[in-house]
Amino acid sequence: MTTDLLLAVLLLALWVGLLALQLADVVLTASRLPQLSAFASIKAALLEAEGTRVAPEQLESWREQVAELDAREAARAIPAGRGATEQLWRATPWRLAPSLLAIILVVLSAVYWPLVLLALPLPVVTYVLALAAARASVAAASARASIHEQQRAEIEELIDRVSRTARKRVAGLGDRVNRALQILREQQG
């Protein structure tokens, strides 16, 4: 009888551990915020440069940084229209591991019928928690995409404003400056 009690306690501890891990996954996924530091640094640089003359090379550098951010966001974005169930089964199937483990634990505890009664809801609960984590992941991705679009629009507007004051080549200006310097040298020498 001691072995049965030890097995029951061990299985109960495994079930509680599974549920705790899945709850932690749901909480961590739901609380994950998009990384906006790259956008913030570009935006800060553009706000600082606003009203001053900016070299065209600097403008091009900012545009390249925005393009890199777009590529990075496109690589990690969840495709539009993908629901939580599809996300769970296609993109994050590792979240189903606790449900599979719960089914295995139910099958292993089939010899001890009182434990089976306690274990029957475990696969359902673990699947519901995995689905909740997938929903949180889809919601976080949607929020990240929305923030990305908003930040990108603001940055594009700032780049447009800064580019209006950017240095533009003036035809013949270099020749005129060289001629003026040459006249100054002749007058001094």
Protein backbone atom coordinates (compact mmCIF):
# COMPACT_ATOMS: atom_id res chain seq x y z
CA MET A 1 0.00 0.00 0.00
CA THR A 2 2.90 2.37 0.61
CA THR A 3 3.96 2.04 -3.03
CA ASP A 4 0.47 2.99 -4.16
CA LEU A 5 0.47 6.04 -1.94
CA LEU A 6 3.91 7.05 -3.14
CA LEU A 7 2.83 6.63 -6.77
CA ALA A 8 -0.32 8.67 -6.15
CA VAL A 9 1.68 11.48 -4.56
CA LEU A 10 4.20 11.40 -7.42
CA LEU A 11 1.48 11.55 -10.07
CA LEU A 12 -0.27 14.36 -8.23
CA ALA A 13 3.01 16.28 -8.05
CA LEU A 14 3.54 15.78 -11.80
CA TRP A 15 0.03 17.02 -12.56
CA VAL A 16 0.44 20.09 -10.37
CA GLY A 17 3.81 20.76 -12.02
CA LEU A 18 2.25 20.50 -15.49
CA LEU A 19 -0.50 22.91 -14.59
CA ALA A 20 1.95 25.34 -12.99
CA LEU A 21 4.18 25.33 -16.08
CA GLN A 22 1.24 25.92 -18.37
CA LEU A 23 -0.11 28.73 -16.22
CA ALA A 24 3.33 30.32 -16.29
CA ASP A 25 3.38 30.00 -20.08
CA VAL A 26 -0.01 31.73 -20.34
CA VAL A 27 1.05 34.55 -18.02
CA LEU A 28 4.42 35.09 -19.72
CA THR A 29 2.89 35.04 -23.20
CA ALA A 30 0.14 37.47 -22.22
CA SER A 31 2.55 39.88 -20.54
CA ARG A 32 5.10 39.96 -23.35
CA LEU A 33 5.36 43.48 -24.75
CA PRO A 34 6.71 44.40 -28.15
CA GLN A 35 10.26 45.66 -28.31
CA LEU A 36 10.06 49.29 -29.33
CA SER A 37 13.57 50.38 -28.46
CA ALA A 38 14.71 50.32 -32.09
CA PHE A 39 11.77 52.47 -33.14
CA ALA A 40 12.30 54.77 -30.18
CA SER A 41 15.95 55.35 -31.04
CA ILE A 42 15.19 56.16 -34.68
CA LYS A 43 12.29 58.40 -33.65
CA ALA A 44 14.47 60.22 -31.09
CA ALA A 45 17.20 60.80 -33.67
CA LEU A 46 14.65 62.14 -36.15
CA LEU A 47 13.08 64.45 -33.57
CA GLU A 48 16.54 65.74 -32.68
CA ALA A 49 17.38 66.32 -36.34
CA GLU A 50 14.10 68.07 -37.09
CA GLY A 51 14.66 71.69 -38.06
CA THR A 52 18.32 71.19 -38.92
CA ARG A 53 20.03 70.37 -42.17
CA VAL A 54 20.61 66.66 -42.51
CA ALA A 55 22.90 64.94 -44.97
CA PRO A 56 21.17 62.74 -47.56
CA GLU A 57 23.35 59.85 -46.40
CA GLN A 58 21.86 60.11 -42.91
CA LEU A 59 18.34 60.10 -44.35
CA GLU A 60 19.18 56.99 -46.34
CA SER A 61 20.61 55.37 -43.21
CA TRP A 62 17.35 55.97 -41.34
CA ARG A 63 15.35 54.55 -44.24
CA GLU A 64 17.56 51.44 -44.23
CA GLN A 65 17.05 51.02 -40.48
CA VAL A 66 13.28 51.23 -40.96
CA ALA A 67 13.49 48.66 -43.76
CA GLU A 68 15.47 46.32 -41.47
CA LEU A 69 12.83 46.72 -38.75
CA ASP A 70 10.11 45.94 -41.31
CA ALA A 71 11.93 42.79 -42.40
CA ARG A 72 12.45 41.68 -38.81
CA GLU A 73 8.80 42.27 -37.98
CA ALA A 74 7.63 40.44 -41.11
CA ALA A 75 9.74 37.43 -40.14
CA ARG A 76 8.17 37.13 -36.70
CA ALA A 77 4.62 38.21 -37.48
CA ILE A 78 1.77 35.76 -37.22
CA PRO A 79 -0.05 35.57 -40.56
CA ALA A 80 -3.30 37.52 -40.66
CA GLY A 81 -6.37 35.39 -40.10
CA ARG A 82 -4.56 32.71 -38.15
CA GLY A 83 -6.66 31.85 -35.12
CA ALA A 84 -5.50 30.54 -31.79
CA THR A 85 -6.27 26.90 -32.62
CA GLU A 86 -4.31 27.06 -35.87
CA GLN A 87 -1.50 28.89 -34.08
CA LEU A 88 -1.44 26.17 -31.45
CA TRP A 89 -1.32 23.26 -33.89
CA ARG A 90 0.94 24.81 -36.55
CA ALA A 91 3.28 27.33 -34.98
CA THR A 92 3.59 26.28 -31.35
CA PRO A 93 2.91 22.53 -31.15
CA TRP A 94 5.36 22.29 -28.24
CA ARG A 95 2.56 23.79 -26.12
CA LEU A 96 0.67 20.53 -26.65
CA ALA A 97 3.40 18.52 -24.91
CA PRO A 98 1.79 18.88 -21.46
CA SER A 99 -1.51 17.60 -22.87
CA LEU A 100 0.26 14.60 -24.38
CA LEU A 101 2.09 14.01 -21.11
CA ALA A 102 -1.23 14.28 -19.23
CA ILE A 103 -2.76 11.60 -21.47
CA ILE A 104 0.25 9.36 -20.84
CA LEU A 105 -0.12 9.91 -17.10
CA VAL A 106 -3.83 9.02 -17.29
CA VAL A 107 -3.00 5.81 -19.16
CA LEU A 108 -0.25 4.92 -16.67
CA SER A 109 -2.56 5.52 -13.73
CA ALA A 110 -5.32 3.34 -15.25
CA VAL A 111 -4.36 0.52 -12.89
CA TYR A 112 -5.37 2.65 -9.91
CA TRP A 113 -8.99 3.57 -10.63
CA PRO A 114 -9.35 6.29 -7.97
CA LEU A 115 -6.42 8.12 -9.54
CA VAL A 116 -7.97 7.81 -13.00
CA LEU A 117 -11.04 9.69 -11.78
CA LEU A 118 -8.78 12.50 -10.58
CA ALA A 119 -6.66 12.39 -13.72
CA LEU A 120 -9.42 12.44 -16.35
CA PRO A 121 -9.84 16.23 -16.44
CA LEU A 122 -6.07 16.82 -16.63
CA PRO A 123 -5.68 16.44 -20.45
CA VAL A 124 -8.65 18.75 -21.00
CA VAL A 125 -7.34 21.36 -18.58
CA THR A 126 -3.85 21.25 -20.10
CA TYR A 127 -5.29 21.64 -23.61
CA VAL A 128 -7.43 24.60 -22.50
CA LEU A 129 -4.35 26.22 -20.95
CA ALA A 130 -2.32 25.60 -24.13
CA LEU A 131 -5.14 27.17 -26.16
CA ALA A 132 -5.18 30.16 -23.78
CA ALA A 133 -1.44 30.61 -24.31
CA ALA A 134 -1.94 30.44 -28.08
CA ARG A 135 -4.70 33.06 -27.85
CA ALA A 136 -2.44 35.29 -25.80
CA SER A 137 0.29 34.82 -28.40
CA VAL A 138 -2.06 35.81 -31.24
CA ALA A 139 -3.28 38.83 -29.26
CA ALA A 140 0.30 39.92 -28.48
CA ALA A 141 1.27 39.55 -32.14
CA SER A 142 -1.72 41.62 -33.19
CA ALA A 143 -0.82 44.34 -30.69
CA ARG A 144 2.80 44.27 -31.84
CA ALA A 145 1.74 44.62 -35.49
CA SER A 146 -0.56 47.51 -34.67
CA ILE A 147 2.14 49.32 -32.68
CA HIS A 148 4.65 48.61 -35.48
CA GLU A 149 2.34 50.22 -38.05
CA GLN A 150 1.74 53.24 -35.84
CA GLN A 151 5.44 53.74 -35.06
CA ARG A 152 6.37 53.22 -38.70
CA ALA A 153 3.84 55.85 -39.84
CA GLU A 154 5.22 58.35 -37.32
CA ILE A 155 8.80 57.63 -38.39
CA GLU A 156 7.92 57.98 -42.08
CA GLU A 157 6.28 61.33 -41.35
CA LEU A 158 9.36 62.48 -39.43
CA ILE A 159 11.68 61.33 -42.23
CA ASP A 160 9.55 63.28 -44.68
CA ARG A 161 9.72 66.42 -42.52
CA VAL A 162 13.47 66.08 -42.00
CA SER A 163 14.09 65.41 -45.68
CA ARG A 164 12.51 68.75 -46.60
CA THR A 165 15.36 70.53 -44.83
CA ALA A 166 18.05 68.11 -46.02
CA ARG A 167 20.98 69.43 -47.99
CA LYS A 168 20.28 69.40 -51.67
CA ARG A 169 22.88 69.87 -54.34
CA VAL A 170 22.82 73.25 -56.03
CA ALA A 171 23.98 73.29 -59.63
CA GLY A 172 27.30 75.11 -60.00
CA LEU A 173 27.68 75.89 -56.29
CA GLY A 174 30.96 73.99 -56.01
CA ASP A 175 32.41 75.90 -58.95
CA ARG A 176 31.33 79.23 -57.48
CA VAL A 177 32.84 78.39 -54.09
CA ASN A 178 36.12 77.31 -55.71
CA ARG A 179 36.21 80.53 -57.77
CA ALA A 180 35.54 82.65 -54.64
CA LEU A 181 38.35 80.84 -52.77
CA GLN A 182 40.68 81.37 -55.69
CA ILE A 183 39.91 85.15 -55.70
CA LEU A 184 40.54 85.30 -51.94
CA ARG A 185 43.92 83.57 -52.38
CA GLU A 186 44.88 85.98 -55.17
CA GLN A 187 43.94 88.98 -53.02
CA GLN A 188 45.93 87.70 -50.03
CA GLY A 189 48.93 86.54 -51.98
